[in-house]
Amino acid sequence: MANETATGITTAPSGFTNTTATNVVTTAQPSFIESILNKIPLPRWALIAIVVAIGLVLLLFLICIIKCCCCRKKHKKKEKVNLANINGSSTTTSLVQPDMEDIECGLEDEKRGQLQYSLEYDFRSQEMKVGVKQAANLKAMDSGGTSDPYVVVYLTSDMRKKFETKVYRKTLNPVFNDSFIFQIPQAEVAESTLVMQVYDFNRFSKHDIIGEMRLPLADIDLQHVIEQWHELTVASKIEQERLGEICFSLRYVPSTSKLTVVILEAKKLKRMDAHGLSDPYVKVQLILNKKKWKKKKTSVKKSTLSPYFNEAFGFDVPFNLIQNVDLVISVWDHDKVTKDDQIGKVFLGCRATGNQLRHWSDMLANPRRPVAQWHSLQPVEEVDKTVGLKTRFKLPLPKS
């Protein structure tokens, strides 16, 4: 008691807890998102439902985008594969311009009519009789819905000799009943193709081709007379006439400046005479700086399309000029009465291309060794234009 009165402080007895003491409550600050949610006058479950709905919409939108992209990739891949199957290879042209192919295919699929023909071969006389019977359902080429058809017939082994039927006016079903005789040796039958082209006659413009049929004679049994119908197709591009082939060897010796040309043989030459043969010989000519320099020729082989020569010619060509020399090989048909006709040509040299350049290069790469090779004859005009011969002398212009 003395202590209590002295200090005025009452000390609680040991083990006693003051339950009447003031309670201290600590409250955490609300987060930014919770403060925003508290401002929205909606219950908490409604806000959660809205968020879930928005999430589902975004997920569906994303799935649609991915699906569309995948479908486009698959479509492009399929299109490329299809184009590759059609053309054999996925070329750039086919991928860039598929519409042009569709147009061409549409033209080829268009019906052009049918042609009835007959075929008979006489093994004794080696003559082929070709009959042009009739045509049916021809394509209309004129504005009035008709055509003026006629037929051109030839063999690819001798394209000089072509026959034509009469022109039949304003009809799509003409009856020709014409026949033509071709002289063709039995040995050449298998290498030839019979071509019949149906044209529409135009008086004041170029004749239009309606269609054609091509019949490889190697696929035909000529032991029997043939008469049948054939579907007309789109006419192929103009084919280059076969002039024949020639084989010769070249040999150059730099130490002696000697160029040796050996004309060995030729085959399948173009027919130049009325009886279906030729009298061929070969000219060998050297061109220096686009000017005629030296020339020689073989003997004439009578009545043959596959002559054998085996004749050698030597030329002196210094090594410093060999790069400027063109070698021109030309095959001629000899005529006693008229002027000789050229069948075809081929030229070699450093300005040549293809097999001709390869043959010339092989000769230079293998000095003192003869190099032989076959070459296809080319049209005379094309070779002359490529060689570009210059005249040696210029004729004086007449004084006015």
Protein backbone atom coordinates (compact mmCIF):
# COMPACT_ATOMS: atom_id res chain seq x y z
CA MET A 1 0.00 0.00 0.00
CA ALA A 2 2.91 2.24 0.78
CA ASN A 3 4.14 1.81 -2.74
CA GLU A 4 0.80 2.61 -4.28
CA THR A 5 0.46 5.83 -2.33
CA ALA A 6 3.99 6.89 -2.95
CA THR A 7 4.08 6.66 -6.74
CA GLY A 8 0.39 6.73 -7.57
CA ILE A 9 0.87 3.82 -9.98
CA THR A 10 -0.97 0.63 -9.56
CA THR A 11 0.95 -2.41 -10.72
CA ALA A 12 -0.99 -5.36 -11.85
CA PRO A 13 -0.24 -8.52 -10.18
CA SER A 14 1.85 -11.07 -11.98
CA GLY A 15 -0.08 -13.33 -14.49
CA PHE A 16 -2.94 -10.86 -14.92
CA THR A 17 -3.81 -9.71 -18.54
CA ASN A 18 -5.64 -6.47 -19.21
CA THR A 19 -8.47 -7.40 -21.48
CA THR A 20 -9.84 -3.89 -21.56
CA ALA A 21 -6.84 -2.50 -23.46
CA THR A 22 -7.52 -0.64 -26.73
CA ASN A 23 -7.60 -2.99 -29.86
CA VAL A 24 -5.25 -1.86 -32.78
CA VAL A 25 -6.61 -2.77 -36.36
CA THR A 26 -4.18 -2.66 -39.39
CA THR A 27 -5.90 -2.27 -42.88
CA ALA A 28 -3.82 -2.87 -46.21
CA GLN A 29 -4.10 -0.35 -49.09
CA PRO A 30 -6.34 -1.64 -52.03
CA SER A 31 -4.57 -2.56 -55.34
CA PHE A 32 -5.02 -0.57 -58.59
CA ILE A 33 -7.22 -3.21 -60.26
CA GLU A 34 -9.39 -3.58 -57.13
CA SER A 35 -9.82 0.19 -56.94
CA ILE A 36 -11.04 0.21 -60.57
CA LEU A 37 -13.39 -2.72 -59.94
CA ASN A 38 -14.78 -1.00 -56.87
CA LYS A 39 -15.71 2.01 -58.99
CA ILE A 40 -17.76 -0.15 -61.47
CA PRO A 41 -21.38 -0.33 -60.27
CA LEU A 42 -21.70 -4.07 -61.04
CA PRO A 43 -21.49 -7.13 -58.87
CA ARG A 44 -18.25 -9.07 -58.87
CA TRP A 45 -19.74 -12.17 -60.57
CA ALA A 46 -21.01 -10.06 -63.49
CA LEU A 47 -17.55 -8.61 -64.10
CA ILE A 48 -16.02 -12.10 -64.11
CA ALA A 49 -18.60 -13.31 -66.65
CA ILE A 50 -17.86 -10.38 -68.96
CA VAL A 51 -14.10 -11.02 -68.85
CA VAL A 52 -14.59 -14.73 -69.62
CA ALA A 53 -16.87 -13.89 -72.58
CA ILE A 54 -14.34 -11.46 -74.04
CA GLY A 55 -11.58 -14.07 -73.69
CA LEU A 56 -13.65 -16.69 -75.55
CA VAL A 57 -14.34 -14.26 -78.41
CA LEU A 58 -10.65 -13.44 -78.79
CA LEU A 59 -9.73 -17.14 -78.72
CA LEU A 60 -12.28 -17.97 -81.44
CA PHE A 61 -11.02 -15.08 -83.58
CA LEU A 62 -7.41 -16.31 -83.25
CA ILE A 63 -8.42 -19.87 -84.20
CA CYS A 64 -10.20 -18.59 -87.35
CA ILE A 65 -7.12 -16.64 -88.46
CA ILE A 66 -4.83 -19.67 -88.02
CA LYS A 67 -7.26 -21.92 -89.92
CA CYS A 68 -7.51 -19.50 -92.86
CA CYS A 69 -3.72 -19.26 -93.17
CA CYS A 70 -3.34 -23.04 -93.15
CA CYS A 71 -6.01 -23.45 -95.85
CA ARG A 72 -4.28 -20.93 -98.12
CA LYS A 73 -0.93 -22.72 -97.79
CA LYS A 74 -2.50 -26.07 -98.60
CA HIS A 75 -4.29 -24.62 -101.64
CA LYS A 76 -1.10 -23.09 -103.04
CA LYS A 77 0.83 -26.30 -102.48
CA LYS A 78 -1.84 -28.35 -104.23
CA GLU A 79 -1.91 -25.93 -107.17
CA LYS A 80 1.86 -26.17 -107.61
CA VAL A 81 1.77 -29.95 -107.51
CA ASN A 82 -0.96 -30.05 -110.13
CA LEU A 83 0.93 -27.71 -112.44
CA ALA A 84 4.06 -29.78 -112.05
CA ASN A 85 2.17 -32.93 -112.98
CA ILE A 86 0.77 -31.30 -116.10
CA ASN A 87 4.00 -29.86 -117.44
CA GLY A 88 6.44 -32.45 -116.18
CA SER A 89 8.25 -29.77 -114.16
CA SER A 90 7.21 -26.74 -112.14
CA THR A 91 8.59 -24.16 -114.55
CA THR A 92 8.43 -20.46 -113.84
CA THR A 93 6.27 -19.79 -116.89
CA SER A 94 3.64 -22.31 -115.85
CA LEU A 95 3.39 -20.79 -112.38
CA VAL A 96 3.22 -17.22 -113.61
CA GLN A 97 0.87 -17.71 -116.56
CA PRO A 98 -1.41 -20.69 -115.94
CA ASP A 99 -4.25 -18.94 -117.76
CA MET A 100 -2.41 -19.15 -121.09
CA GLU A 101 -2.13 -22.91 -120.74
CA ASP A 102 -5.84 -23.12 -120.02
CA ILE A 103 -6.52 -21.16 -123.21
CA GLU A 104 -4.24 -23.43 -125.29
CA CYS A 105 -5.82 -26.55 -123.82
CA GLY A 106 -9.23 -25.17 -124.71
CA LEU A 107 -8.14 -24.64 -128.31
CA GLU A 108 -6.79 -28.17 -128.56
CA ASP A 109 -9.96 -29.68 -127.13
CA GLU A 110 -12.13 -27.84 -129.64
CA LYS A 111 -13.66 -30.18 -132.22
CA ARG A 112 -12.40 -29.61 -135.77
CA GLY A 113 -14.08 -32.44 -137.62
CA GLN A 114 -13.13 -35.82 -139.10
CA LEU A 115 -11.45 -36.87 -142.33
CA GLN A 116 -11.87 -40.17 -144.17
CA TYR A 117 -8.85 -41.40 -146.13
CA SER A 118 -7.50 -44.51 -147.83
CA LEU A 119 -3.94 -45.82 -148.11
CA GLU A 120 -2.43 -48.41 -150.42
CA TYR A 121 1.24 -49.24 -151.04
CA ASP A 122 2.56 -51.11 -154.07
CA PHE A 123 5.79 -52.89 -153.07
CA ARG A 124 6.75 -53.63 -156.68
CA SER A 125 6.56 -50.11 -158.05
CA GLN A 126 7.29 -48.57 -154.62
CA GLU A 127 4.33 -46.24 -155.03
CA MET A 128 1.90 -45.10 -152.37
CA LYS A 129 -1.67 -44.24 -153.34
CA VAL A 130 -3.35 -41.86 -150.92
CA GLY A 131 -7.07 -41.26 -151.19
CA VAL A 132 -8.91 -38.28 -149.71
CA LYS A 133 -12.51 -39.48 -149.42
CA GLN A 134 -14.58 -36.98 -147.47
CA ALA A 135 -14.77 -34.82 -144.34
CA ALA A 136 -17.52 -34.41 -141.76
CA ASN A 137 -18.47 -31.88 -139.08
CA LEU A 138 -15.71 -29.46 -140.00
CA LYS A 139 -15.25 -26.36 -137.89
CA ALA A 140 -17.00 -23.30 -139.36
CA MET A 141 -14.41 -20.66 -140.28
CA ASP A 142 -16.61 -18.13 -142.13
CA SER A 143 -19.00 -15.63 -140.56
CA GLY A 144 -21.95 -17.38 -142.19
CA GLY A 145 -21.31 -20.55 -140.19
CA THR A 146 -19.72 -22.52 -143.06
CA SER A 147 -16.31 -23.07 -144.66
CA ASP A 148 -14.78 -23.49 -148.11
CA PRO A 149 -12.61 -26.55 -147.43
CA TYR A 150 -9.84 -28.22 -149.41
CA VAL A 151 -7.11 -30.69 -148.39
CA VAL A 152 -3.31 -30.53 -148.78
CA VAL A 153 -1.50 -33.90 -148.77
CA TYR A 154 2.25 -34.53 -148.45
CA LEU A 155 4.90 -36.82 -146.96
CA THR A 156 7.47 -35.45 -144.53
CA SER A 157 10.21 -37.31 -146.43
CA ASP A 158 9.64 -35.07 -149.48
CA MET A 159 7.86 -31.85 -148.54
CA ARG A 160 8.47 -30.35 -151.96
CA LYS A 161 5.81 -32.57 -153.47
CA LYS A 162 2.39 -31.51 -152.19
CA PHE A 163 -1.03 -32.28 -153.63
CA GLU A 164 -4.29 -30.34 -153.21
CA THR A 165 -7.91 -31.30 -153.69
CA LYS A 166 -10.56 -29.07 -155.24
CA VAL A 167 -12.17 -26.37 -153.12
CA TYR A 168 -15.78 -27.07 -152.08
CA ARG A 169 -17.86 -23.98 -151.37
CA LYS A 170 -19.90 -23.36 -148.23
CA THR A 171 -19.99 -26.80 -146.69
CA LEU A 172 -18.85 -28.52 -143.51
CA ASN A 173 -19.27 -32.01 -144.98
CA PRO A 174 -17.40 -32.04 -148.33
CA VAL A 175 -17.00 -35.16 -150.47
CA PHE A 176 -13.62 -35.06 -152.24
CA ASN A 177 -13.02 -38.54 -153.72
CA ASP A 178 -9.49 -37.58 -154.85
CA SER A 179 -6.38 -39.79 -154.95
CA PHE A 180 -2.68 -39.01 -155.28
CA ILE A 181 0.43 -41.09 -156.03
CA PHE A 182 3.71 -40.73 -154.09
CA GLN A 183 7.00 -42.35 -155.11
CA ILE A 184 8.67 -43.55 -151.91
CA PRO A 185 11.24 -46.35 -151.56
CA GLN A 186 10.30 -49.09 -149.13
CA ALA A 187 13.40 -48.39 -147.04
CA GLU A 188 12.18 -44.84 -146.36
CA VAL A 189 8.55 -45.66 -145.59
CA ALA A 190 9.13 -46.25 -141.88
CA GLU A 191 10.85 -42.86 -141.49
CA SER A 192 8.08 -40.84 -143.13
CA THR A 193 4.77 -39.42 -141.93
CA LEU A 194 1.67 -38.83 -144.04
CA VAL A 195 0.21 -35.37 -143.40
CA MET A 196 -3.27 -34.20 -144.47
CA GLN A 197 -4.20 -30.60 -143.70
CA VAL A 198 -7.70 -29.22 -144.20
CA TYR A 199 -7.82 -25.52 -145.14
CA ASP A 200 -10.58 -22.95 -145.49
CA PHE A 201 -10.23 -21.07 -148.79
CA ASN A 202 -10.30 -17.26 -148.66
CA ARG A 203 -10.27 -15.27 -151.86
CA PHE A 204 -8.80 -12.04 -150.52
CA SER A 205 -6.83 -13.14 -147.47
CA LYS A 206 -4.60 -15.91 -146.19
CA HIS A 207 -6.19 -19.35 -146.12
CA ASP A 208 -7.04 -20.56 -142.61
CA ILE A 209 -6.13 -24.06 -141.53
CA ILE A 210 -9.02 -25.95 -139.95
CA GLY A 211 -7.06 -28.95 -138.70
CA GLU A 212 -4.75 -31.75 -139.70
CA MET A 213 -4.05 -35.46 -139.30
CA ARG A 214 -0.58 -36.98 -139.06
CA LEU A 215 -0.07 -40.66 -139.73
CA PRO A 216 3.39 -42.15 -139.00
CA LEU A 217 3.81 -44.83 -141.67
CA ALA A 218 5.91 -46.94 -139.29
CA ASP A 219 2.70 -47.63 -137.34
CA ILE A 220 0.74 -48.77 -140.41
CA ASP A 221 0.50 -52.29 -141.83
CA LEU A 222 0.93 -51.59 -145.53
CA GLN A 223 0.26 -55.21 -146.48
CA HIS A 224 -3.42 -54.34 -146.67
CA VAL A 225 -5.48 -51.51 -148.11
CA ILE A 226 -6.55 -49.10 -145.37
CA GLU A 227 -9.71 -46.99 -145.35
CA GLN A 228 -10.85 -45.28 -142.16
CA TRP A 229 -11.86 -42.05 -140.44
CA HIS A 230 -9.41 -39.91 -138.49
CA GLU A 231 -10.10 -37.06 -136.03
CA LEU A 232 -8.59 -33.71 -137.04
CA THR A 233 -6.34 -31.99 -134.51
CA VAL A 234 -4.80 -28.54 -134.16
CA ALA A 235 -2.16 -28.00 -136.83
CA SER A 236 1.37 -28.24 -135.49
CA LYS A 237 3.95 -25.54 -136.03
CA ILE A 238 5.58 -25.38 -139.45
CA GLU A 239 8.20 -28.10 -139.53
CA GLN A 240 11.65 -27.54 -140.93
CA GLU A 241 12.23 -29.55 -144.06
CA ARG A 242 14.74 -32.36 -143.66
CA LEU A 243 17.67 -31.70 -145.98
CA GLY A 244 19.85 -34.64 -144.99
CA GLU A 245 23.02 -35.33 -143.03
CA ILE A 246 26.71 -35.33 -143.87
CA CYS A 247 29.73 -36.92 -142.18
CA PHE A 248 33.27 -35.55 -142.51
CA SER A 249 36.49 -35.48 -140.53
CA LEU A 250 38.80 -32.57 -139.68
CA ARG A 251 42.52 -32.64 -138.93
CA TYR A 252 44.81 -29.69 -138.25
CA VAL A 253 48.60 -29.80 -137.80
CA PRO A 254 49.89 -26.48 -136.39
CA SER A 255 53.57 -27.25 -137.18
CA THR A 256 52.85 -27.60 -140.91
CA SER A 257 49.79 -25.27 -141.02
CA LYS A 258 47.86 -28.06 -142.74
CA LEU A 259 44.07 -28.36 -142.49
CA THR A 260 42.72 -31.63 -143.91
CA VAL A 261 39.00 -32.12 -144.59
CA VAL A 262 37.80 -35.62 -145.53
CA ILE A 263 34.26 -35.81 -146.91
CA LEU A 264 33.15 -39.31 -145.92
CA GLU A 265 29.45 -39.79 -146.76
CA ALA A 266 25.94 -38.33 -146.66
CA LYS A 267 22.49 -39.80 -146.06
CA LYS A 268 18.79 -39.00 -146.30
CA LEU A 269 19.41 -36.14 -148.71
CA LYS A 270 16.48 -34.16 -150.03
CA ARG A 271 15.09 -35.34 -153.38
CA MET A 272 15.87 -32.81 -156.07
CA ASP A 273 15.11 -34.65 -159.33
CA ALA A 274 11.76 -35.57 -160.85
CA HIS A 275 12.43 -39.31 -160.42
CA GLY A 276 12.81 -38.89 -156.65
CA LEU A 277 16.60 -38.98 -156.41
CA SER A 278 19.55 -36.57 -156.67
CA ASP A 279 23.03 -36.37 -158.18
CA PRO A 280 24.90 -34.99 -155.18
CA TYR A 281 28.39 -33.58 -154.77
CA VAL A 282 30.03 -31.54 -152.00
CA LYS A 283 31.82 -28.20 -152.03
CA VAL A 284 34.40 -27.39 -149.35
CA GLN A 285 35.03 -23.69 -148.90
CA LEU A 286 37.20 -21.61 -146.58
CA ILE A 287 36.07 -18.14 -145.57
CA LEU A 288 38.65 -15.73 -144.16
CA ASN A 289 37.42 -12.59 -142.39
CA LYS A 290 34.00 -13.03 -144.06
CA LYS A 291 35.50 -13.20 -147.54
CA LYS A 292 35.76 -16.21 -149.87
CA TRP A 293 39.28 -17.60 -149.71
CA LYS A 294 39.72 -21.18 -150.99
CA LYS A 295 37.39 -23.91 -152.27
CA LYS A 296 37.38 -27.46 -153.61
CA LYS A 297 34.68 -30.01 -154.51
CA THR A 298 34.11 -33.74 -154.68
CA SER A 299 33.03 -35.85 -157.62
CA VAL A 300 29.35 -36.26 -158.52
CA LYS A 301 27.51 -39.38 -157.34
CA LYS A 302 24.68 -40.34 -159.69
CA SER A 303 21.08 -41.09 -158.66
CA THR A 304 21.44 -41.51 -154.91
CA LEU A 305 20.31 -39.93 -151.68
CA SER A 306 23.03 -41.63 -149.61
CA PRO A 307 26.32 -41.05 -151.45
CA TYR A 308 29.70 -42.32 -150.28
CA PHE A 309 32.66 -40.05 -151.12
CA ASN A 310 35.72 -40.66 -148.91
CA GLU A 311 37.60 -37.79 -150.59
CA ALA A 312 40.28 -35.73 -148.80
CA PHE A 313 41.19 -32.07 -149.34
CA GLY A 314 44.16 -30.20 -147.89
CA PHE A 315 44.42 -26.48 -147.19
CA ASP A 316 47.35 -24.37 -146.03
CA VAL A 317 46.09 -22.32 -143.07
CA PRO A 318 48.71 -20.55 -140.91
CA PHE A 319 48.17 -20.94 -137.18
CA ASN A 320 47.71 -17.18 -136.70
CA LEU A 321 44.72 -17.28 -139.11
CA ILE A 322 42.97 -20.42 -137.89
CA GLN A 323 40.84 -18.40 -135.44
CA ASN A 324 39.52 -16.21 -138.26
CA VAL A 325 38.63 -19.02 -140.69
CA ASP A 326 35.13 -20.40 -141.32
CA LEU A 327 34.73 -23.78 -142.98
CA VAL A 328 31.58 -24.08 -145.14
CA ILE A 329 30.45 -27.51 -146.32
CA SER A 330 27.65 -27.43 -148.91
CA VAL A 331 25.86 -30.27 -150.70
CA TRP A 332 24.72 -29.68 -154.29
CA ASP A 333 22.55 -31.49 -156.83
CA HIS A 334 24.17 -31.67 -160.26
CA ASP A 335 22.02 -30.90 -163.32
CA LYS A 336 23.21 -31.31 -166.91
CA VAL A 337 20.79 -28.83 -168.46
CA THR A 338 19.94 -26.30 -165.76
CA LYS A 339 21.96 -24.66 -163.00
CA ASP A 340 23.05 -26.86 -160.08
CA ASP A 341 20.83 -26.57 -156.99
CA GLN A 342 22.04 -26.35 -153.40
CA ILE A 343 20.52 -28.93 -151.05
CA GLY A 344 21.91 -27.63 -147.76
CA LYS A 345 24.89 -26.24 -145.90
CA VAL A 346 26.76 -26.37 -142.62
CA PHE A 347 29.57 -24.13 -141.42
CA LEU A 348 32.20 -24.57 -138.70
CA GLY A 349 34.62 -22.24 -137.01
CA CYS A 350 35.04 -20.14 -133.90
CA ARG A 351 31.88 -18.19 -134.84
CA ALA A 352 29.76 -21.34 -135.11
CA THR A 353 27.51 -22.76 -132.40
CA GLY A 354 26.26 -26.14 -131.18
CA ASN A 355 27.69 -29.29 -132.77
CA GLN A 356 29.58 -27.29 -135.38
CA LEU A 357 31.52 -25.32 -132.76
CA ARG A 358 32.11 -28.50 -130.75
CA HIS A 359 33.55 -30.30 -133.78
CA TRP A 360 35.86 -27.37 -134.59
CA SER A 361 36.99 -27.09 -130.96
CA ASP A 362 37.71 -30.84 -130.80
CA MET A 363 39.89 -30.49 -133.89
CA LEU A 364 41.92 -27.66 -132.35
CA ALA A 365 42.19 -29.48 -129.01
CA ASN A 366 43.51 -32.63 -130.70
CA PRO A 367 46.18 -31.55 -133.22
CA ARG A 368 47.40 -34.11 -135.78
CA ARG A 369 44.41 -36.38 -135.05
CA PRO A 370 41.39 -36.63 -137.40
CA VAL A 371 38.03 -35.97 -135.72
CA ALA A 372 34.92 -37.24 -137.56
CA GLN A 373 31.30 -36.25 -136.86
CA TRP A 374 27.83 -36.24 -138.43
CA HIS A 375 26.06 -32.91 -139.06
CA SER A 376 22.51 -32.07 -140.13
CA LEU A 377 22.33 -29.87 -143.21
CA GLN A 378 20.79 -26.45 -142.67
CA PRO A 379 18.89 -24.18 -145.08
CA VAL A 380 21.18 -22.30 -147.43
CA GLU A 381 19.70 -18.89 -146.62
CA GLU A 382 20.22 -19.32 -142.88
CA VAL A 383 23.87 -20.29 -143.22
CA ASP A 384 24.63 -17.50 -145.70
CA LYS A 385 23.03 -14.96 -143.39
CA THR A 386 25.02 -16.23 -140.40
CA VAL A 387 28.34 -16.33 -142.24
CA GLY A 388 27.68 -12.85 -143.71
CA LEU A 389 29.92 -13.05 -146.75
CA LYS A 390 31.35 -9.82 -148.09
CA THR A 391 31.97 -9.27 -151.79
CA ARG A 392 35.59 -8.95 -152.79
CA PHE A 393 35.00 -6.22 -155.30
CA LYS A 394 32.47 -3.45 -155.36
CA LEU A 395 31.01 -2.79 -158.79
CA PRO A 396 31.23 0.88 -159.77
CA LEU A 397 27.92 2.66 -159.88
CA PRO A 398 26.84 3.82 -163.34
CA LYS A 399 27.33 7.52 -163.92
CA SER A 400 24.14 9.45 -164.28
